[in-house]
Amino acid sequence: MNGSNNKSTEISAFVTFERGNKITARFTFELISPVTSNSNNSKSDIYINPNEKKIKSLHIQFAN
């Protein structure tokens, strides 16, 4: 997506939309791990699953 070869943080899905005509698109999600904050301003401790990922960016490419 940004020239990076770090495929472990990207997931691609091919999707076909059908409503009369068919349109196929490739959705590529770039994932990141959530950032934990050790700020003294937090009023409660929030558990963050280390396996959880957040979407950093989404690239949609339509097939011709």
N, C-alpha and C. Protein backbone atom coordinates (compact mmCIF):
# COMPACT_ATOMS: atom_id res chain seq x y z
N MET A 1 0.81 -1.18 0.00
CA MET A 1 0.00 0.00 0.00
C MET A 1 0.86 1.26 0.00
N ASN A 2 1.85 1.34 0.87
CA ASN A 2 2.70 2.51 0.90
C ASN A 2 4.11 2.17 0.46
N GLY A 3 4.27 1.10 -0.31
CA GLY A 3 5.57 0.67 -0.76
C GLY A 3 6.23 -0.29 0.20
N SER A 4 5.63 -0.50 1.35
CA SER A 4 6.17 -1.39 2.36
C SER A 4 5.91 -2.84 1.97
N ASN A 5 6.83 -3.72 2.33
CA ASN A 5 6.64 -5.14 2.07
C ASN A 5 6.23 -5.89 3.32
N ASN A 6 5.70 -5.21 4.33
CA ASN A 6 5.30 -5.83 5.58
C ASN A 6 3.91 -6.42 5.44
N LYS A 7 3.84 -7.60 4.84
CA LYS A 7 2.54 -8.23 4.55
C LYS A 7 1.87 -8.78 5.80
N SER A 8 2.58 -8.91 6.92
CA SER A 8 1.96 -9.45 8.13
C SER A 8 0.92 -8.50 8.71
N THR A 9 0.93 -7.23 8.29
CA THR A 9 -0.03 -6.27 8.81
C THR A 9 -1.08 -5.91 7.77
N GLU A 10 -1.15 -6.65 6.69
CA GLU A 10 -2.15 -6.38 5.65
C GLU A 10 -3.01 -7.62 5.40
N ILE A 11 -4.29 -7.37 5.19
CA ILE A 11 -5.23 -8.43 4.82
C ILE A 11 -5.97 -7.95 3.58
N SER A 12 -6.07 -8.81 2.57
CA SER A 12 -6.80 -8.46 1.35
C SER A 12 -8.01 -9.37 1.21
N ALA A 13 -9.08 -8.78 0.67
CA ALA A 13 -10.31 -9.53 0.40
C ALA A 13 -10.84 -9.11 -0.95
N PHE A 14 -11.21 -10.08 -1.78
CA PHE A 14 -11.85 -9.80 -3.05
C PHE A 14 -13.35 -9.88 -2.84
N VAL A 15 -14.05 -8.82 -3.23
CA VAL A 15 -15.48 -8.72 -2.98
C VAL A 15 -16.18 -8.48 -4.31
N THR A 16 -17.27 -9.22 -4.54
CA THR A 16 -18.09 -9.01 -5.74
C THR A 16 -19.44 -8.46 -5.31
N PHE A 17 -19.78 -7.31 -5.85
CA PHE A 17 -21.06 -6.67 -5.58
C PHE A 17 -21.99 -7.02 -6.75
N GLU A 18 -23.17 -7.50 -6.44
CA GLU A 18 -24.14 -7.83 -7.48
C GLU A 18 -25.45 -7.11 -7.22
N ARG A 19 -25.78 -6.26 -8.13
CA ARG A 19 -27.11 -5.63 -8.15
C ARG A 19 -27.32 -5.26 -9.60
N GLY A 20 -27.79 -6.23 -10.35
CA GLY A 20 -27.83 -6.08 -11.80
C GLY A 20 -26.49 -6.50 -12.37
N ASN A 21 -25.57 -5.56 -12.51
CA ASN A 21 -24.22 -5.87 -12.99
C ASN A 21 -23.33 -6.31 -11.84
N LYS A 22 -22.24 -7.00 -12.18
CA LYS A 22 -21.27 -7.41 -11.17
C LYS A 22 -20.09 -6.45 -11.19
N ILE A 23 -19.66 -6.05 -10.01
CA ILE A 23 -18.45 -5.25 -9.85
C ILE A 23 -17.59 -5.95 -8.82
N THR A 24 -16.33 -6.18 -9.16
CA THR A 24 -15.39 -6.83 -8.24
C THR A 24 -14.38 -5.80 -7.76
N ALA A 25 -14.09 -5.86 -6.47
CA ALA A 25 -13.12 -4.94 -5.88
C ALA A 25 -12.22 -5.70 -4.92
N ARG A 26 -11.02 -5.18 -4.76
CA ARG A 26 -10.08 -5.74 -3.79
C ARG A 26 -9.97 -4.75 -2.65
N PHE A 27 -10.27 -5.20 -1.44
CA PHE A 27 -10.15 -4.39 -0.23
C PHE A 27 -8.88 -4.82 0.48
N THR A 28 -7.95 -3.90 0.72
CA THR A 28 -6.74 -4.21 1.45
C THR A 28 -6.74 -3.39 2.74
N PHE A 29 -6.74 -4.08 3.86
CA PHE A 29 -6.75 -3.44 5.17
C PHE A 29 -5.33 -3.46 5.74
N GLU A 30 -4.84 -2.33 6.19
CA GLU A 30 -3.57 -2.27 6.90
C GLU A 30 -3.91 -2.20 8.39
N LEU A 31 -3.36 -3.14 9.16
CA LEU A 31 -3.71 -3.26 10.57
C LEU A 31 -2.57 -2.79 11.47
N ILE A 32 -2.95 -2.28 12.64
CA ILE A 32 -1.98 -1.89 13.66
C ILE A 32 -2.45 -2.42 15.00
N SER A 33 -1.52 -2.56 15.94
CA SER A 33 -1.87 -2.93 17.30
C SER A 33 -2.28 -1.67 18.04
N PRO A 34 -3.26 -1.78 18.94
CA PRO A 34 -3.66 -0.59 19.69
C PRO A 34 -2.52 -0.12 20.58
N VAL A 35 -2.46 1.17 20.81
CA VAL A 35 -1.41 1.76 21.65
C VAL A 35 -1.94 1.88 23.06
N THR A 36 -1.15 1.43 24.00
CA THR A 36 -1.54 1.58 25.40
C THR A 36 -0.96 2.88 25.93
N SER A 37 -1.69 3.51 26.80
CA SER A 37 -1.26 4.78 27.38
C SER A 37 -1.02 4.58 28.86
N ASN A 38 0.13 5.06 29.34
CA ASN A 38 0.42 5.01 30.77
C ASN A 38 0.20 6.39 31.39
N SER A 39 -0.71 7.14 30.83
CA SER A 39 -0.97 8.49 31.28
C SER A 39 -1.56 8.47 32.69
N ASN A 40 -1.16 9.44 33.50
CA ASN A 40 -1.72 9.56 34.85
C ASN A 40 -3.13 10.13 34.82
N ASN A 41 -3.56 10.59 33.64
CA ASN A 41 -4.90 11.17 33.52
C ASN A 41 -5.98 10.12 33.37
N SER A 42 -5.61 8.86 33.16
CA SER A 42 -6.63 7.83 32.96
C SER A 42 -7.30 7.52 34.30
N LYS A 43 -8.61 7.40 34.26
CA LYS A 43 -9.38 7.17 35.48
C LYS A 43 -9.60 5.68 35.75
N SER A 44 -9.33 4.86 34.76
CA SER A 44 -9.49 3.42 34.96
C SER A 44 -8.50 2.69 34.07
N ASP A 45 -8.16 1.49 34.49
CA ASP A 45 -7.28 0.65 33.68
C ASP A 45 -8.11 -0.02 32.61
N ILE A 46 -7.68 0.05 31.37
CA ILE A 46 -8.39 -0.55 30.25
C ILE A 46 -7.58 -1.74 29.78
N TYR A 47 -8.22 -2.91 29.74
CA TYR A 47 -7.55 -4.12 29.25
C TYR A 47 -7.54 -4.09 27.74
N ILE A 48 -6.36 -4.26 27.18
CA ILE A 48 -6.23 -4.34 25.72
C ILE A 48 -5.68 -5.71 25.38
N ASN A 49 -6.43 -6.45 24.59
CA ASN A 49 -6.03 -7.77 24.14
C ASN A 49 -4.83 -7.62 23.20
N PRO A 50 -3.70 -8.27 23.50
CA PRO A 50 -2.52 -8.12 22.63
C PRO A 50 -2.72 -8.69 21.22
N ASN A 51 -3.74 -9.53 21.04
CA ASN A 51 -4.03 -10.08 19.72
C ASN A 51 -4.98 -9.20 18.91
N GLU A 52 -5.53 -8.19 19.54
CA GLU A 52 -6.49 -7.31 18.87
C GLU A 52 -5.76 -6.37 17.92
N LYS A 53 -6.36 -6.11 16.79
CA LYS A 53 -5.79 -5.20 15.79
C LYS A 53 -6.83 -4.15 15.43
N LYS A 54 -6.37 -2.98 15.06
CA LYS A 54 -7.22 -1.90 14.60
C LYS A 54 -6.90 -1.62 13.13
N ILE A 55 -7.88 -1.13 12.38
CA ILE A 55 -7.65 -0.78 10.98
C ILE A 55 -6.98 0.59 10.93
N LYS A 56 -5.79 0.62 10.32
CA LYS A 56 -5.06 1.88 10.15
C LYS A 56 -5.48 2.55 8.84
N SER A 57 -5.61 1.75 7.79
CA SER A 57 -6.03 2.30 6.50
C SER A 57 -6.74 1.22 5.69
N LEU A 58 -7.51 1.68 4.73
CA LEU A 58 -8.24 0.79 3.82
C LEU A 58 -8.05 1.30 2.40
N HIS A 59 -7.59 0.40 1.53
CA HIS A 59 -7.39 0.74 0.10
C HIS A 59 -8.36 -0.12 -0.70
N ILE A 60 -9.16 0.51 -1.56
CA ILE A 60 -10.12 -0.21 -2.39
C ILE A 60 -9.71 -0.04 -3.85
N GLN A 61 -9.56 -1.17 -4.54
CA GLN A 61 -9.18 -1.14 -5.94
C GLN A 61 -10.21 -1.92 -6.74
N PHE A 62 -10.86 -1.26 -7.69
CA PHE A 62 -11.87 -1.92 -8.52
C PHE A 62 -11.23 -2.55 -9.74
N ALA A 63 -11.67 -3.76 -10.06
CA ALA A 63 -11.16 -4.48 -11.24
C ALA A 63 -11.79 -3.87 -12.49
N ASN A 64 -11.08 -3.96 -13.58
CA ASN A 64 -11.59 -3.45 -14.87
C ASN A 64 -12.47 -4.47 -15.53
